[in-house]
Structure formats: C-alpha cells, structure tokens
Amino acid sequence: MVDAAARISPLDGRLFQDEGILVEPAVPAVRLALRAPSAARAALSKALGIDLSQRPKASAVHGARAALWLGPDEWLVIDEEGGDLMAACGTVTAFHSAVDVSHRNTALLVSGRRAADVLSAGCPQDLSRGAFPVGAASRTVFGKVEIVLWRTGEEAFRVECWRSFSDYVFMLFEAAARDA
C-alpha cells in the first residue's frame, strides 16, 4: 500500500476562488478500483466496512471511506484516512479484482452556488438535482478527460481524475468559472 499521507498532490498550493465557486485539491486518499460479481459483494462490503451498492449512480459513505458505484460489478472505493483497502479485500476468498489506484488518481473539490454551472461547461452529465442528487456518482468526462464525478452536497462535487490530467482539469475549471 502507498502511504497517502506522504503522497504529494500534483495540485498542491492550487486554489481558485471567485464569486460562488471554489475549486481546490482534495486531501490525499487511498483509492481502490474494485470489480466483483454480485456473489462477492456482501463479503467485500463487510471486509471494507461499507455497502457496495448495486444501484446505478449510488454512493455509500462511512466515516472517511466512500464506495462509488461505477457499473454493475465495479466500484471506486476512496479512503481519506489512508486505510489499507487492499488488506481488507485480501481477507475475502470470493472471486474479485482489487487494484490500488492511489498513485494514478487525484481529486478536486468544486463547491459553491455556481459549482454545477461550472461543471456543466465541460461535462455532458445532467447535473440538475433531480437527475444527479446528493450522493450520485458516475463516470463521465470533463473537457477531454475521463473523470468520476460525485455530488457530495447540494452545491459540492468531488472530481476524481488521473494525476497526469489534473492540471488540465484545474485550468479548465478556472476558465469555465471565469466564463460562466
């Protein structure tokens, strides 16, 4: 496992704040790309201490740990306290695939009354509260980058992206915020 506390974000020190919008890096986190058939879901949920929902666009949160549904057999598990997710999955004998992607991903937090408008400048996802309520999560795009988008509050989103694209994503947020 990679020590999340020692990891340096590619966006350290970056911050964009304007009227009604704040874009900032999320704290370092451990991330797990998890694939499993429905027969393994209960055992993995128990081992991870969080429900692996089977409902599209669903998320579950327990403390600093979250599980985001990405597909019928796929979740992104995030732990901001640096928990050993791989060790937890290692206790499960049911068939599954767990890959630590902590080194690959980083996240931006987008919040404020203009957050959905700024995201909509580069994301085709319907971000209305009816279509994408608090807790909704999905794989989508922002500009030309694949992201995982999670609505964490009425006016707050977490945007997971590959570290190598994070500067582009941040600058696109800045440009969208200035134009929106």
Protein backbone atom coordinates (compact mmCIF):
# COMPACT_ATOMS: atom_id res chain seq x y z
CA MET A 1 0.00 0.00 0.00
CA VAL A 2 1.14 3.53 -0.77
CA ASP A 3 1.30 5.95 2.17
CA ALA A 4 -1.40 8.51 1.30
CA ALA A 5 -0.12 10.99 3.88
CA ALA A 6 3.30 11.11 2.19
CA ARG A 7 1.91 11.46 -1.32
CA ILE A 8 2.28 14.95 -2.80
CA SER A 9 -0.65 16.13 -4.87
CA PRO A 10 0.18 17.49 -8.32
CA LEU A 11 -2.13 20.38 -7.39
CA ASP A 12 -0.59 21.30 -4.03
CA GLY A 13 -0.97 25.02 -3.47
CA ARG A 14 -3.54 25.46 -6.24
CA LEU A 15 -6.80 27.18 -5.39
CA PHE A 16 -9.37 29.05 -7.42
CA GLN A 17 -12.00 31.12 -5.70
CA ASP A 18 -14.43 33.54 -7.28
CA GLU A 19 -17.94 34.66 -6.53
CA GLY A 20 -19.98 31.50 -5.88
CA ILE A 21 -17.24 28.99 -6.76
CA LEU A 22 -14.30 27.33 -5.03
CA VAL A 23 -12.00 24.79 -6.71
CA GLU A 24 -9.37 23.14 -4.52
CA PRO A 25 -7.43 19.88 -4.31
CA ALA A 26 -8.89 17.17 -2.10
CA VAL A 27 -6.79 15.71 0.70
CA PRO A 28 -4.64 12.73 -0.28
CA ALA A 29 -6.55 9.45 -0.24
CA VAL A 30 -6.18 5.74 -0.81
CA ARG A 31 -8.21 4.55 -3.80
CA LEU A 32 -9.21 1.11 -4.92
CA ALA A 33 -10.63 0.06 -8.28
CA LEU A 34 -12.84 -2.87 -7.34
CA ARG A 35 -14.53 -5.36 -9.66
CA ALA A 36 -16.62 -8.21 -8.30
CA PRO A 37 -19.62 -10.35 -9.23
CA SER A 38 -22.75 -9.97 -7.12
CA ALA A 39 -21.89 -13.19 -5.24
CA ALA A 40 -18.82 -11.47 -3.72
CA ARG A 41 -20.49 -8.14 -2.93
CA ALA A 42 -21.66 -8.96 0.61
CA ALA A 43 -18.28 -10.34 1.72
CA LEU A 44 -16.43 -7.37 0.23
CA SER A 45 -18.89 -4.91 1.80
CA LYS A 46 -18.29 -6.49 5.19
CA ALA A 47 -14.50 -6.54 4.78
CA LEU A 48 -14.39 -2.90 3.66
CA GLY A 49 -16.92 -1.75 6.24
CA ILE A 50 -19.07 -0.05 3.65
CA ASP A 51 -22.02 -1.04 1.46
CA LEU A 52 -21.14 -1.75 -2.16
CA SER A 53 -24.41 -0.64 -3.70
CA GLN A 54 -25.87 -2.33 -6.76
CA ARG A 55 -27.93 0.75 -7.61
CA PRO A 56 -26.71 2.87 -10.57
CA LYS A 57 -25.08 6.19 -9.64
CA ALA A 58 -25.20 5.31 -5.92
CA SER A 59 -22.58 6.01 -3.29
CA ALA A 60 -22.14 4.99 0.32
CA VAL A 61 -20.13 6.79 2.99
CA HIS A 62 -18.90 5.54 6.33
CA GLY A 63 -16.55 7.93 8.12
CA ALA A 64 -13.74 8.88 5.73
CA ARG A 65 -14.45 5.92 3.43
CA ALA A 66 -16.71 6.03 0.38
CA ALA A 67 -17.76 3.49 -2.25
CA LEU A 68 -18.93 4.87 -5.58
CA TRP A 69 -20.92 2.61 -7.95
CA LEU A 70 -19.44 2.80 -11.47
CA GLY A 71 -21.06 -0.20 -13.09
CA PRO A 72 -22.93 -3.44 -12.36
CA ASP A 73 -19.75 -5.04 -10.99
CA GLU A 74 -17.48 -2.03 -10.45
CA TRP A 75 -16.82 0.46 -7.64
CA LEU A 76 -14.28 3.13 -6.77
CA VAL A 77 -13.51 2.95 -3.06
CA ILE A 78 -11.90 6.05 -1.51
CA ASP A 79 -10.42 6.29 1.99
CA GLU A 80 -9.19 9.73 3.09
CA GLU A 81 -7.70 8.31 6.32
CA GLY A 82 -5.30 6.04 4.44
CA GLY A 83 -6.88 2.71 5.41
CA ASP A 84 -5.38 -0.44 3.95
CA LEU A 85 -8.10 -1.30 1.45
CA MET A 86 -6.02 -3.98 -0.25
CA ALA A 87 -5.52 -5.83 3.04
CA ALA A 88 -9.25 -5.65 3.73
CA CYS A 89 -10.04 -7.15 0.32
CA GLY A 90 -7.32 -9.74 0.84
CA THR A 91 -9.41 -11.33 3.59
CA VAL A 92 -12.18 -12.12 1.09
CA THR A 93 -11.96 -15.52 -0.60
CA ALA A 94 -14.79 -14.84 -3.06
CA PHE A 95 -13.70 -14.03 -6.62
CA HIS A 96 -12.92 -10.31 -7.12
CA SER A 97 -10.33 -7.92 -8.52
CA ALA A 98 -8.94 -5.14 -6.34
CA VAL A 99 -6.31 -2.73 -7.68
CA ASP A 100 -4.79 0.12 -5.68
CA VAL A 101 -5.02 3.18 -7.95
CA SER A 102 -3.94 5.70 -5.31
CA HIS A 103 -0.87 6.63 -7.35
CA ARG A 104 -2.94 7.17 -10.51
CA ASN A 105 -5.75 9.40 -9.26
CA THR A 106 -6.14 12.73 -7.58
CA ALA A 107 -9.26 14.72 -6.82
CA LEU A 108 -10.58 18.26 -6.96
CA LEU A 109 -13.38 19.63 -4.82
CA VAL A 110 -15.73 22.02 -6.59
CA SER A 111 -18.18 23.87 -4.40
CA GLY A 112 -20.38 26.93 -4.22
CA ARG A 113 -23.65 28.06 -5.74
CA ARG A 114 -22.08 28.07 -9.25
CA ALA A 115 -20.45 24.62 -8.95
CA ALA A 116 -22.95 22.78 -11.18
CA ASP A 117 -22.84 25.55 -13.81
CA VAL A 118 -19.03 25.48 -13.94
CA LEU A 119 -19.01 21.68 -14.21
CA SER A 120 -21.65 21.81 -16.94
CA ALA A 121 -19.30 23.91 -19.07
CA GLY A 122 -17.24 20.78 -19.74
CA CYS A 123 -19.41 17.87 -18.63
CA PRO A 124 -22.38 16.49 -20.62
CA GLN A 125 -23.91 14.88 -17.49
CA ASP A 126 -27.28 16.33 -16.41
CA LEU A 127 -26.33 17.90 -13.06
CA SER A 128 -29.80 19.04 -12.06
CA ARG A 129 -30.63 17.93 -8.52
CA GLY A 130 -33.43 15.72 -9.83
CA ALA A 131 -31.15 13.80 -12.21
CA PHE A 132 -27.97 13.95 -10.12
CA PRO A 133 -28.92 14.29 -6.44
CA VAL A 134 -26.59 14.44 -3.45
CA GLY A 135 -24.77 11.11 -3.29
CA ALA A 136 -24.93 10.45 -7.04
CA ALA A 137 -21.71 9.31 -8.69
CA SER A 138 -20.82 8.40 -12.25
CA ARG A 139 -18.01 8.03 -14.72
CA THR A 140 -18.23 10.82 -17.27
CA VAL A 141 -15.97 13.38 -18.99
CA PHE A 142 -14.90 16.93 -18.27
CA GLY A 143 -13.46 18.54 -21.37
CA LYS A 144 -11.47 15.73 -22.94
CA VAL A 145 -10.72 13.90 -19.69
CA GLU A 146 -12.48 10.90 -18.19
CA ILE A 147 -13.50 11.68 -14.61
CA VAL A 148 -15.52 10.17 -11.81
CA LEU A 149 -18.00 12.77 -10.62
CA TRP A 150 -19.59 12.55 -7.17
CA ARG A 151 -22.10 15.01 -5.77
CA THR A 152 -21.14 15.28 -2.10
CA GLY A 153 -23.52 18.12 -1.16
CA GLU A 154 -26.23 20.36 -2.59
CA GLU A 155 -23.54 22.64 -4.01
CA ALA A 156 -20.46 20.42 -3.73
CA PHE A 157 -18.80 17.88 -6.01
CA ARG A 158 -15.71 15.68 -5.93
CA VAL A 159 -13.98 15.19 -9.28
CA GLU A 160 -11.62 12.20 -9.47
CA CYS A 161 -9.20 12.25 -12.40
CA TRP A 162 -5.86 10.81 -13.38
CA ARG A 163 -2.96 12.79 -11.90
CA SER A 164 -1.46 13.37 -15.35
CA PHE A 165 -4.63 15.23 -16.42
CA SER A 166 -5.20 17.16 -13.19
CA ASP A 167 -3.52 20.39 -14.29
CA TYR A 168 -5.64 20.46 -17.46
CA VAL A 169 -8.80 19.80 -15.43
CA PHE A 170 -7.93 22.53 -12.92
CA MET A 171 -7.22 25.09 -15.66
CA LEU A 172 -10.45 24.14 -17.45
CA PHE A 173 -12.36 24.74 -14.19
CA GLU A 174 -10.72 28.17 -13.90
CA ALA A 175 -11.63 29.08 -17.47
CA ALA A 176 -15.21 27.81 -17.07
CA ALA A 177 -15.63 29.72 -13.80
CA ARG A 178 -14.49 32.94 -15.42
CA ASP A 179 -16.86 32.44 -18.37
CA ALA A 180 -19.91 31.07 -16.52
